[in-house]
């Protein structure tokens, strides 16, 4: 099924066209006939004979955008000028910067912000290390740490190529929770070395957000850091995804007159997100959950399981199913896709009445929304151009804001459940099939999550403030 044009593949093309005639309508027709979408058309200079026009187009891929540009070049009387990829322009020079909170205007400012005045502050912290939270950026700073081994859907592309994602994550922390986050991209994929490095840099941060680290190493890295540090350590690919999924699932169940305990879910994908979602749904009280990987249902009778998958096999699949993903989906209430690939339409059709399809692979969902809507009561994806986007940005800014507010030593299961409930609660009276989860730009989300997480931290005894 054809993919819709996306702003992710957005180009601005500068063209000169004849001032009279049908050149402008030809431009739009050429873009649309070739499967693109015109999202902007600006006349930047005009004369009696020529117009200079900037046409902004959305395409489905880089190759598709190039094809549309070539089509525009072929229009008679059109002169092609500069072509700008808007996504790349947004990344030029990086997306974040450090800014001083105080102006340095004269010698007095310099003496207080730096030497000699700063020495007094250093000695105060040396005498009382807890003052670092009061007198430095530590109290509101999170390290976004990756080794580049599992970046988005791109795989093991390394730390340098991971930087744009980590910068983006830092920008989201600032935008949605006013937290100063910094990308830390490590040129090692050795588990113990990563743990040692993060432990060594931890004094400068109030929390650690692990990102895009491949399974199963991500589980061990997170566990060891949680044991060795007294600040929150949170692997967002696992827990952020699980929290937002639970929030959407609670509202979908409410919409259809069911509870979580009434549902049997099938998860496609047994990596970091799939394992975390399965465990989290179980802790939240789901009726049953079955996990499938590339070789089929993760069941105890399989001899090829890793330690992590063996554990998940022991926790899930009360029905004792074996075989393929399609077998598991027969009669299932919920499909949760975090793996990519394509689920046959016949398998979706075999799900229970009023099923939920959360096909979260990005950019290509495991089940196209048009197909899912034929059979499901609620459809969610990982994409921003469809309703019900399962987006981690609904969770991690507020979770860290709440944890940092009360100086939590860790992020507990209860704090995660509280975050999911808070996200679900924001929807309120707006609940519908196309709104089981709030928009990332709903300004109520992060404060609601932060308040719920802070309260849960106090209730669970991990708050130090």
Protein backbone atom coordinates (compact mmCIF):
# COMPACT_ATOMS: atom_id res chain seq x y z
CA UNK A 1 0.00 0.00 0.00
CA UNK A 2 1.35 3.42 -0.98
CA UNK A 3 3.00 5.54 1.69
CA UNK A 4 1.71 9.09 2.13
CA UNK A 5 4.09 12.01 1.57
CA UNK A 6 5.82 13.11 4.78
CA UNK A 7 7.39 16.34 5.96
CA UNK A 8 10.44 14.19 6.84
CA UNK A 9 11.16 14.20 3.10
CA UNK A 10 10.50 17.88 2.50
CA UNK A 11 12.32 19.89 -0.15
CA UNK A 12 12.15 23.55 -1.14
CA UNK A 13 12.88 24.07 -4.83
CA UNK A 14 13.66 27.55 -6.21
CA UNK A 15 12.31 28.00 -9.74
CA UNK A 16 12.04 30.74 -12.33
CA UNK A 17 8.83 30.58 -14.38
CA UNK A 18 7.18 32.78 -17.01
CA UNK A 19 5.13 35.57 -15.41
CA UNK A 20 2.14 34.86 -17.61
CA UNK A 21 0.41 31.64 -18.54
CA UNK A 22 -0.19 28.46 -16.57
CA UNK A 23 3.32 27.77 -15.19
CA UNK A 24 2.25 27.85 -11.53
CA UNK A 25 -0.64 25.42 -12.02
CA UNK A 26 1.67 23.19 -14.05
CA UNK A 27 4.08 23.06 -11.10
CA UNK A 28 1.41 21.91 -8.66
CA UNK A 29 -0.03 19.43 -11.13
CA UNK A 30 3.41 17.96 -11.83
CA UNK A 31 4.12 17.42 -8.12
CA UNK A 32 0.73 15.90 -7.35
CA UNK A 33 0.62 13.69 -10.46
CA UNK A 34 3.96 12.24 -9.37
CA UNK A 35 2.65 11.33 -5.89
CA UNK A 36 4.00 14.33 -3.99
CA UNK A 37 2.27 17.09 -2.07
CA UNK A 38 2.76 20.87 -2.39
CA UNK A 39 2.95 22.26 1.17
CA UNK A 40 4.12 25.77 0.32
CA UNK A 41 4.36 28.10 -2.65
CA UNK A 42 6.01 31.51 -2.20
CA UNK A 43 6.73 34.15 -4.84
CA UNK A 44 10.11 35.58 -3.76
CA UNK A 45 10.64 37.95 -6.72
CA UNK A 46 8.48 39.13 -9.60
CA UNK A 47 8.93 40.96 -12.88
CA UNK A 48 7.12 41.50 -16.16
CA UNK A 49 8.58 38.39 -17.73
CA UNK A 50 9.67 36.10 -14.89
CA UNK A 51 8.56 35.01 -11.43
CA UNK A 52 10.89 33.45 -8.90
CA UNK A 53 8.97 30.90 -6.86
CA UNK A 54 9.98 28.70 -3.91
CA UNK A 55 7.94 25.50 -4.05
CA UNK A 56 7.98 23.31 -0.93
CA UNK A 57 7.07 19.69 -1.54
CA UNK A 58 6.61 16.63 0.63
CA UNK A 59 7.63 13.22 -0.74
CA UNK A 60 7.70 9.62 0.47
CA UNK A 61 11.47 9.11 0.28
CA UNK A 62 14.69 10.81 -0.82
CA UNK A 63 14.52 9.03 -4.18
CA UNK A 64 10.91 10.11 -4.63
CA UNK A 65 11.82 13.74 -3.88
CA UNK A 66 14.61 13.58 -6.47
CA UNK A 67 12.17 12.20 -9.05
CA UNK A 68 9.73 15.07 -8.42
CA UNK A 69 12.52 17.64 -8.76
CA UNK A 70 13.49 16.11 -12.13
CA UNK A 71 9.85 16.27 -13.22
CA UNK A 72 9.78 20.00 -12.40
CA UNK A 73 12.98 20.48 -14.40
CA UNK A 74 11.26 19.05 -17.48
CA UNK A 75 8.43 21.61 -17.53
CA UNK A 76 8.86 23.94 -20.50
CA UNK A 77 9.91 27.47 -19.54
CA UNK A 78 10.90 26.51 -15.99
CA UNK A 79 14.48 27.13 -14.82
CA UNK A 80 15.51 25.07 -11.82
CA UNK A 81 17.56 26.83 -9.15
CA UNK A 82 18.64 25.79 -5.65
CA UNK A 83 17.14 22.64 -4.09
CA UNK A 84 17.16 22.58 -0.28
CA UNK A 85 16.43 19.54 1.89
CA UNK A 86 14.54 21.12 4.80
CA UNK A 87 15.34 18.30 7.23
CA UNK A 88 19.08 18.58 6.61
CA UNK A 89 18.90 22.37 6.93
CA UNK A 90 17.37 21.95 10.40
CA UNK A 91 20.37 19.84 11.44
CA UNK A 92 23.12 22.14 10.10
CA UNK A 93 25.54 22.87 12.92
CA UNK A 94 23.54 20.68 15.29
CA UNK A 95 20.20 21.34 16.99
CA UNK A 96 21.25 22.33 20.51
CA UNK A 97 23.61 24.81 22.14
CA UNK A 98 24.89 25.80 25.57
CA UNK A 99 23.86 29.24 26.84
CA UNK A 100 25.07 31.11 29.90
CA UNK A 101 22.37 32.05 32.44
CA UNK A 102 24.25 35.19 33.40
CA UNK A 103 25.80 37.83 31.12
CA UNK A 104 29.57 38.31 31.38
CA UNK A 105 29.78 42.08 30.80
CA UNK A 106 32.73 43.26 32.84
CA UNK A 107 35.56 42.28 35.20
CA UNK A 108 33.20 41.94 38.17
CA UNK A 109 31.03 39.42 36.32
CA UNK A 110 34.12 37.52 35.20
CA UNK A 111 35.48 37.43 38.77
CA UNK A 112 32.25 35.97 40.16
CA UNK A 113 31.39 33.53 37.36
CA UNK A 114 34.97 32.35 37.00
CA UNK A 115 38.18 32.96 38.87
CA UNK A 116 38.78 33.99 41.63
CA UNK A 117 35.17 33.91 42.94
CA UNK A 118 34.38 30.43 41.69
CA UNK A 119 36.98 28.96 44.07
CA UNK A 120 34.76 29.77 47.06
CA UNK A 121 31.90 27.81 45.50
CA UNK A 122 34.21 24.88 44.73
CA UNK A 123 35.33 24.71 48.36
CA UNK A 124 31.73 24.87 49.59
CA UNK A 125 30.92 21.81 47.46
CA UNK A 126 34.09 20.03 48.59
CA UNK A 127 32.97 20.50 52.19
CA UNK A 128 29.37 19.49 51.45
CA UNK A 129 28.99 17.51 48.17
CA UNK A 130 25.19 17.77 48.36
CA UNK A 131 25.59 21.48 47.57
CA UNK A 132 26.43 20.46 43.97
CA UNK A 133 22.69 20.13 43.34
CA UNK A 134 22.13 23.66 44.60
CA UNK A 135 25.17 25.42 43.16
CA UNK A 136 25.66 23.71 39.75
CA UNK A 137 23.60 22.51 36.82
CA UNK A 138 23.57 18.99 38.26
CA UNK A 139 20.05 19.20 39.68
CA UNK A 140 18.43 19.71 36.28
CA UNK A 141 20.77 17.89 33.88
CA UNK A 142 20.32 14.50 32.21
CA UNK A 143 22.89 12.56 30.18
CA UNK A 144 21.46 10.99 27.03
CA UNK A 145 23.82 8.03 26.56
CA UNK A 146 24.17 5.74 23.54
CA UNK A 147 26.70 3.46 21.89
CA UNK A 148 24.97 3.74 18.51
CA UNK A 149 24.20 0.03 18.35
CA UNK A 150 20.42 0.19 17.77
CA UNK A 151 19.55 3.62 16.39
CA UNK A 152 15.86 4.02 15.51
CA UNK A 153 15.19 1.42 12.80
CA UNK A 154 18.65 1.96 11.32
CA UNK A 155 20.55 -0.60 13.39
CA UNK A 156 24.18 -0.54 14.48
CA UNK A 157 25.40 2.67 12.81
CA UNK A 158 27.84 3.75 15.53
CA UNK A 159 28.20 6.75 17.86
CA UNK A 160 28.89 9.48 15.29
CA UNK A 161 25.83 8.62 13.21
CA UNK A 162 23.75 8.40 16.40
CA UNK A 163 24.48 12.02 17.33
CA UNK A 164 21.52 13.59 15.45
CA UNK A 165 19.10 11.39 17.38
CA UNK A 166 20.72 12.14 20.74
CA UNK A 167 20.72 15.88 19.98
CA UNK A 168 17.04 15.59 19.11
CA UNK A 169 16.36 13.82 22.39
CA UNK A 170 18.14 16.61 24.28
CA UNK A 171 16.05 19.20 22.42
CA UNK A 172 12.85 17.37 23.41
CA UNK A 173 13.90 17.29 27.08
CA UNK A 174 14.28 21.08 26.95
CA UNK A 175 11.11 21.76 24.96
CA UNK A 176 8.74 19.60 26.97
CA UNK A 177 10.20 19.66 30.52
CA UNK A 178 12.78 22.48 30.57
CA UNK A 179 15.48 19.92 31.47
CA UNK A 180 19.03 20.48 30.25
CA UNK A 181 20.09 17.24 28.58
CA UNK A 182 23.33 16.48 26.79
CA UNK A 183 24.19 13.80 24.20
CA UNK A 184 26.91 11.37 25.26
CA UNK A 185 27.88 9.08 22.35
CA UNK A 186 30.34 6.39 23.40
CA UNK A 187 32.81 4.78 21.00
CA UNK A 188 32.55 1.36 22.63
CA UNK A 189 29.99 -1.42 22.69
CA UNK A 190 31.59 -3.30 25.55
CA UNK A 191 29.00 -3.64 28.33
CA UNK A 192 31.37 -3.28 31.28
CA UNK A 193 33.20 -0.36 29.66
CA UNK A 194 29.93 1.50 29.07
CA UNK A 195 28.89 0.93 32.68
CA UNK A 196 32.28 2.17 33.94
CA UNK A 197 32.20 5.30 31.75
CA UNK A 198 28.66 6.26 32.71
CA UNK A 199 29.40 5.67 36.38
CA UNK A 200 32.47 7.92 36.07
CA UNK A 201 30.56 10.83 34.47
CA UNK A 202 27.48 10.49 36.69
CA UNK A 203 28.56 13.14 39.27
CA UNK A 204 27.73 15.84 36.72
CA UNK A 205 24.15 14.67 36.13
CA UNK A 206 20.90 14.20 38.04
CA UNK A 207 19.71 11.38 35.78
CA UNK A 208 20.83 9.00 33.02
CA UNK A 209 18.68 8.35 29.94
CA UNK A 210 19.98 5.32 28.03
CA UNK A 211 19.11 5.38 24.35
CA UNK A 212 19.43 3.17 21.27
CA UNK A 213 21.54 0.42 22.88
CA UNK A 214 20.91 -3.03 21.42
CA UNK A 215 19.34 -5.96 23.25
CA UNK A 216 20.24 -7.96 25.21
CA UNK A 217 23.15 -5.73 26.35
CA UNK A 218 20.75 -2.88 27.15
CA UNK A 219 19.13 -4.93 29.93
CA UNK A 220 22.43 -5.67 31.64
CA UNK A 221 23.76 -2.12 31.23
CA UNK A 222 20.64 -0.61 32.77
CA UNK A 223 20.57 -3.13 35.64
CA UNK A 224 24.23 -2.61 36.55
CA UNK A 225 23.94 1.18 36.43
CA UNK A 226 20.81 1.11 38.58
CA UNK A 227 22.72 -0.96 41.14
CA UNK A 228 25.76 1.34 41.15
CA UNK A 229 24.25 4.83 40.92
CA UNK A 230 22.00 6.76 43.30
CA UNK A 231 20.30 8.73 40.50
CA UNK A 232 17.55 7.62 38.11
CA UNK A 233 18.69 5.40 35.22
CA UNK A 234 16.05 4.91 32.54
CA UNK A 235 16.30 3.10 29.20
CA UNK A 236 13.69 4.96 27.18
CA UNK A 237 13.48 2.43 24.34
CA UNK A 238 12.21 -0.06 26.90
CA UNK A 239 10.20 1.85 29.45
CA UNK A 240 9.10 4.97 27.58
CA UNK A 241 7.53 2.83 24.88
CA UNK A 242 5.90 0.55 27.46
CA UNK A 243 4.44 3.46 29.44
CA UNK A 244 2.84 5.16 26.45
CA UNK A 245 1.55 1.81 25.14
CA UNK A 246 -0.13 1.08 28.48
CA UNK A 247 -1.70 4.56 28.55
CA UNK A 248 -3.21 4.07 25.09
CA UNK A 249 -4.32 0.53 25.94
CA UNK A 250 -6.11 1.65 29.12
CA UNK A 251 -8.09 4.23 27.17
CA UNK A 252 -8.85 1.85 24.30
CA UNK A 253 -10.21 -0.68 26.81
CA UNK A 254 -12.27 2.04 28.51
CA UNK A 255 -13.67 3.16 25.16
CA UNK A 256 -14.87 -0.37 24.35
CA UNK A 257 -16.22 -1.16 27.83
CA UNK A 258 -13.44 -3.52 28.85
CA UNK A 259 -10.66 -3.63 31.43
CA UNK A 260 -7.00 -4.52 31.00
CA UNK A 261 -7.69 -7.89 32.61
CA UNK A 262 -10.14 -8.75 29.80
CA UNK A 263 -7.49 -8.49 27.10
CA UNK A 264 -5.12 -10.94 25.44
CA UNK A 265 -2.29 -9.12 23.67
CA UNK A 266 0.22 -10.30 21.07
CA UNK A 267 3.53 -8.46 20.81
CA UNK A 268 5.57 -8.71 17.60
CA UNK A 269 9.18 -8.16 18.58
CA UNK A 270 11.26 -9.57 21.43
CA UNK A 271 13.89 -6.86 21.62
CA UNK A 272 14.19 -4.08 24.19
CA UNK A 273 10.74 -2.57 23.57
CA UNK A 274 8.88 -5.87 23.17
CA UNK A 275 10.28 -7.42 26.34
CA UNK A 276 9.68 -4.25 28.38
CA UNK A 277 6.10 -3.86 27.11
CA UNK A 278 5.32 -7.50 27.95
CA UNK A 279 6.65 -7.20 31.51
CA UNK A 280 4.96 -3.85 32.05
CA UNK A 281 1.56 -5.00 30.82
CA UNK A 282 1.79 -8.02 33.10
CA UNK A 283 2.62 -5.83 36.10
CA UNK A 284 -0.36 -3.62 35.18
CA UNK A 285 -2.71 -6.64 35.20
CA UNK A 286 -3.34 -7.58 31.57
CA UNK A 287 -5.22 -10.85 31.06
CA UNK A 288 -2.51 -12.52 28.98
CA UNK A 289 0.28 -11.55 26.63
CA UNK A 290 2.16 -13.54 24.03
CA UNK A 291 5.47 -12.41 22.48
CA UNK A 292 6.69 -13.43 19.01
CA UNK A 293 10.08 -12.93 17.36
CA UNK A 294 11.26 -13.69 13.83
CA UNK A 295 11.03 -17.43 14.51
CA UNK A 296 7.52 -17.36 15.95
CA UNK A 297 5.97 -17.44 19.40
CA UNK A 298 8.47 -17.18 22.26
CA UNK A 299 7.51 -20.33 24.13
CA UNK A 300 9.30 -22.48 26.67
CA UNK A 301 9.53 -25.45 24.28
CA UNK A 302 11.95 -23.58 21.99
CA UNK A 303 15.62 -24.47 22.33
CA UNK A 304 17.03 -21.35 20.62
CA UNK A 305 16.05 -18.79 23.27
CA UNK A 306 18.44 -16.32 24.87
CA UNK A 307 18.33 -15.90 28.65
CA UNK A 308 16.10 -12.83 28.26
CA UNK A 309 13.67 -14.62 25.94
CA UNK A 310 13.66 -17.68 28.18
CA UNK A 311 12.63 -15.45 31.07
CA UNK A 312 9.88 -13.81 29.03
CA UNK A 313 8.63 -17.22 27.88
CA UNK A 314 8.21 -18.19 31.53
CA UNK A 315 6.23 -15.04 32.33
CA UNK A 316 3.90 -14.92 29.33
CA UNK A 317 1.68 -17.05 27.12
CA UNK A 318 -0.71 -18.58 29.65
CA UNK A 319 -2.55 -20.20 26.74
CA UNK A 320 0.57 -22.22 25.86
CA UNK A 321 0.50 -21.21 22.20
CA UNK A 322 3.23 -22.35 19.81
CA UNK A 323 3.94 -21.64 16.18
CA UNK A 324 3.76 -18.41 14.18
CA UNK A 325 2.71 -14.84 14.93
CA UNK A 326 -0.37 -15.46 12.80
CA UNK A 327 -1.33 -18.37 15.07
CA UNK A 328 -1.07 -16.12 18.13
CA UNK A 329 -3.22 -13.40 16.54
CA UNK A 330 -6.22 -15.68 16.01
CA UNK A 331 -8.81 -14.41 18.50
CA UNK A 332 -6.39 -11.93 20.12
CA UNK A 333 -7.73 -8.61 21.42
CA UNK A 334 -4.56 -6.58 20.92
CA UNK A 335 -1.70 -6.48 18.43
CA UNK A 336 1.39 -4.49 19.45
CA UNK A 337 4.06 -4.19 16.78
CA UNK A 338 7.59 -3.12 17.70
CA UNK A 339 9.53 -5.13 15.16
CA UNK A 340 8.93 -3.99 11.60
CA UNK A 341 7.95 -6.46 8.91
CA UNK A 342 4.42 -6.93 7.59
CA UNK A 343 1.48 -8.74 9.18
CA UNK A 344 -0.84 -10.38 6.62
CA UNK A 345 -4.31 -8.87 6.40
CA UNK A 346 -5.85 -12.29 6.97
CA UNK A 347 -4.14 -12.48 10.38
CA UNK A 348 -5.58 -9.10 11.38
CA UNK A 349 -9.02 -10.19 10.19
CA UNK A 350 -8.77 -13.26 12.47
CA UNK A 351 -8.42 -11.13 15.62
CA UNK A 352 -11.27 -10.76 18.11
CA UNK A 353 -14.18 -8.35 17.60
CA UNK A 354 -13.34 -4.73 18.57
CA UNK A 355 -9.63 -5.50 18.52
CA UNK A 356 -6.85 -2.93 18.96
CA UNK A 357 -3.98 -2.67 16.47
CA UNK A 358 -0.94 -0.74 17.69
CA UNK A 359 1.44 -1.05 14.72
CA UNK A 360 4.34 1.09 15.88
CA UNK A 361 7.17 0.36 13.41
CA UNK A 362 8.32 3.61 11.82
CA UNK A 363 8.09 4.76 9.08
CA UNK A 364 6.25 1.66 7.81
CA UNK A 365 3.77 0.18 10.31
CA UNK A 366 3.49 -3.61 10.48
CA UNK A 367 -0.18 -3.20 9.55
CA UNK A 368 -1.10 -0.25 7.35
CA UNK A 369 -3.74 1.89 9.12
CA UNK A 370 -6.13 1.59 6.17
CA UNK A 371 -6.02 -2.20 6.56
CA UNK A 372 -6.22 -2.11 10.36
CA UNK A 373 -9.32 0.13 10.31
CA UNK A 374 -11.23 -2.55 8.41
CA UNK A 375 -11.13 -4.84 11.43
CA UNK A 376 -10.02 -2.94 14.55
CA UNK A 377 -11.92 -0.64 16.91
CA UNK A 378 -8.78 1.36 17.73
CA UNK A 379 -5.69 1.83 15.58
CA UNK A 380 -2.42 3.44 16.72
CA UNK A 381 0.95 3.85 15.02
CA UNK A 382 4.35 5.37 15.69
CA UNK A 383 3.81 8.01 13.01
CA UNK A 384 2.83 11.64 13.50
CA UNK A 385 0.65 11.79 10.37
CA UNK A 386 -1.97 9.36 11.73
CA UNK A 387 -4.16 9.63 14.86
CA UNK A 388 -3.03 7.96 18.10
CA UNK A 389 0.74 8.31 17.78
CA UNK A 390 2.53 6.16 20.37
CA UNK A 391 5.34 8.62 21.02
CA UNK A 392 7.84 8.34 23.88
CA UNK A 393 7.96 12.12 24.18
CA UNK A 394 4.66 11.79 26.08
CA UNK A 395 6.56 9.98 28.83
CA UNK A 396 10.26 10.66 29.35
CA UNK A 397 10.25 14.47 29.84
CA UNK A 398 7.60 14.32 32.57
CA UNK A 399 9.08 11.21 34.17
CA UNK A 400 12.49 12.83 34.59
CA UNK A 401 10.92 16.15 35.64
CA UNK A 402 9.03 14.41 38.44
CA UNK A 403 12.01 12.30 39.48
CA UNK A 404 14.38 15.29 39.54
CA UNK A 405 11.85 17.43 41.41
CA UNK A 406 11.91 15.08 44.41
CA UNK A 407 15.54 13.96 43.89
CA UNK A 408 14.44 10.35 43.41
CA UNK A 409 17.18 7.74 43.70
CA UNK A 410 15.57 5.56 41.03
CA UNK A 411 12.52 5.19 38.79
CA UNK A 412 10.36 2.42 40.19
CA UNK A 413 7.64 0.29 38.64
CA UNK A 414 5.06 2.30 40.60
CA UNK A 415 6.40 5.56 39.15
CA UNK A 416 6.07 4.13 35.63
CA UNK A 417 2.49 2.98 36.26
CA UNK A 418 1.69 6.45 37.65
CA UNK A 419 3.13 8.02 34.48
CA UNK A 420 0.98 5.80 32.24
CA UNK A 421 -2.15 6.59 34.25
CA UNK A 422 -1.39 10.33 34.08
CA UNK A 423 -0.95 10.23 30.29
CA UNK A 424 -4.20 8.30 29.89
CA UNK A 425 -5.98 10.71 32.22
CA UNK A 426 -5.12 13.78 30.14
CA UNK A 427 -7.41 12.53 27.33
CA UNK A 428 -10.47 12.79 29.61
CA UNK A 429 -13.72 13.67 27.82
CA UNK A 430 -11.95 13.81 24.46
CA UNK A 431 -11.73 10.00 24.41
CA UNK A 432 -12.64 8.52 21.01
CA UNK A 433 -11.33 5.90 18.59
CA UNK A 434 -9.02 8.54 17.12
CA UNK A 435 -7.99 9.94 20.51
CA UNK A 436 -6.93 7.29 23.02
CA UNK A 437 -3.63 9.11 23.61
CA UNK A 438 -2.97 12.86 23.87
CA UNK A 439 -0.92 14.88 21.42
CA UNK A 440 2.77 15.38 22.29
CA UNK A 441 2.00 19.12 22.04
CA UNK A 442 -0.73 19.01 24.68
CA UNK A 443 0.82 21.24 27.35
CA UNK A 444 -1.01 19.34 30.10
CA UNK A 445 0.93 16.11 29.58
CA UNK A 446 4.41 16.73 31.02
CA UNK A 447 3.15 18.55 34.18
CA UNK A 448 0.58 15.80 34.82
CA UNK A 449 3.20 13.07 34.41
CA UNK A 450 5.73 14.95 36.57
CA UNK A 451 3.21 15.41 39.41
CA UNK A 452 2.13 11.76 39.30
CA UNK A 453 5.73 10.48 39.21
CA UNK A 454 6.79 12.76 42.09
CA UNK A 455 3.85 11.58 44.20
CA UNK A 456 4.63 7.92 43.45
CA UNK A 457 8.30 8.43 44.32
CA UNK A 458 7.29 9.82 47.72
CA UNK A 459 4.82 6.99 48.27
CA UNK A 460 7.46 4.37 47.42
CA UNK A 461 10.15 5.90 49.61
CA UNK A 462 12.66 6.79 46.89
CA UNK A 463 12.19 10.58 47.10
CA UNK A 464 14.91 12.50 48.94
CA UNK A 465 13.17 15.86 48.81
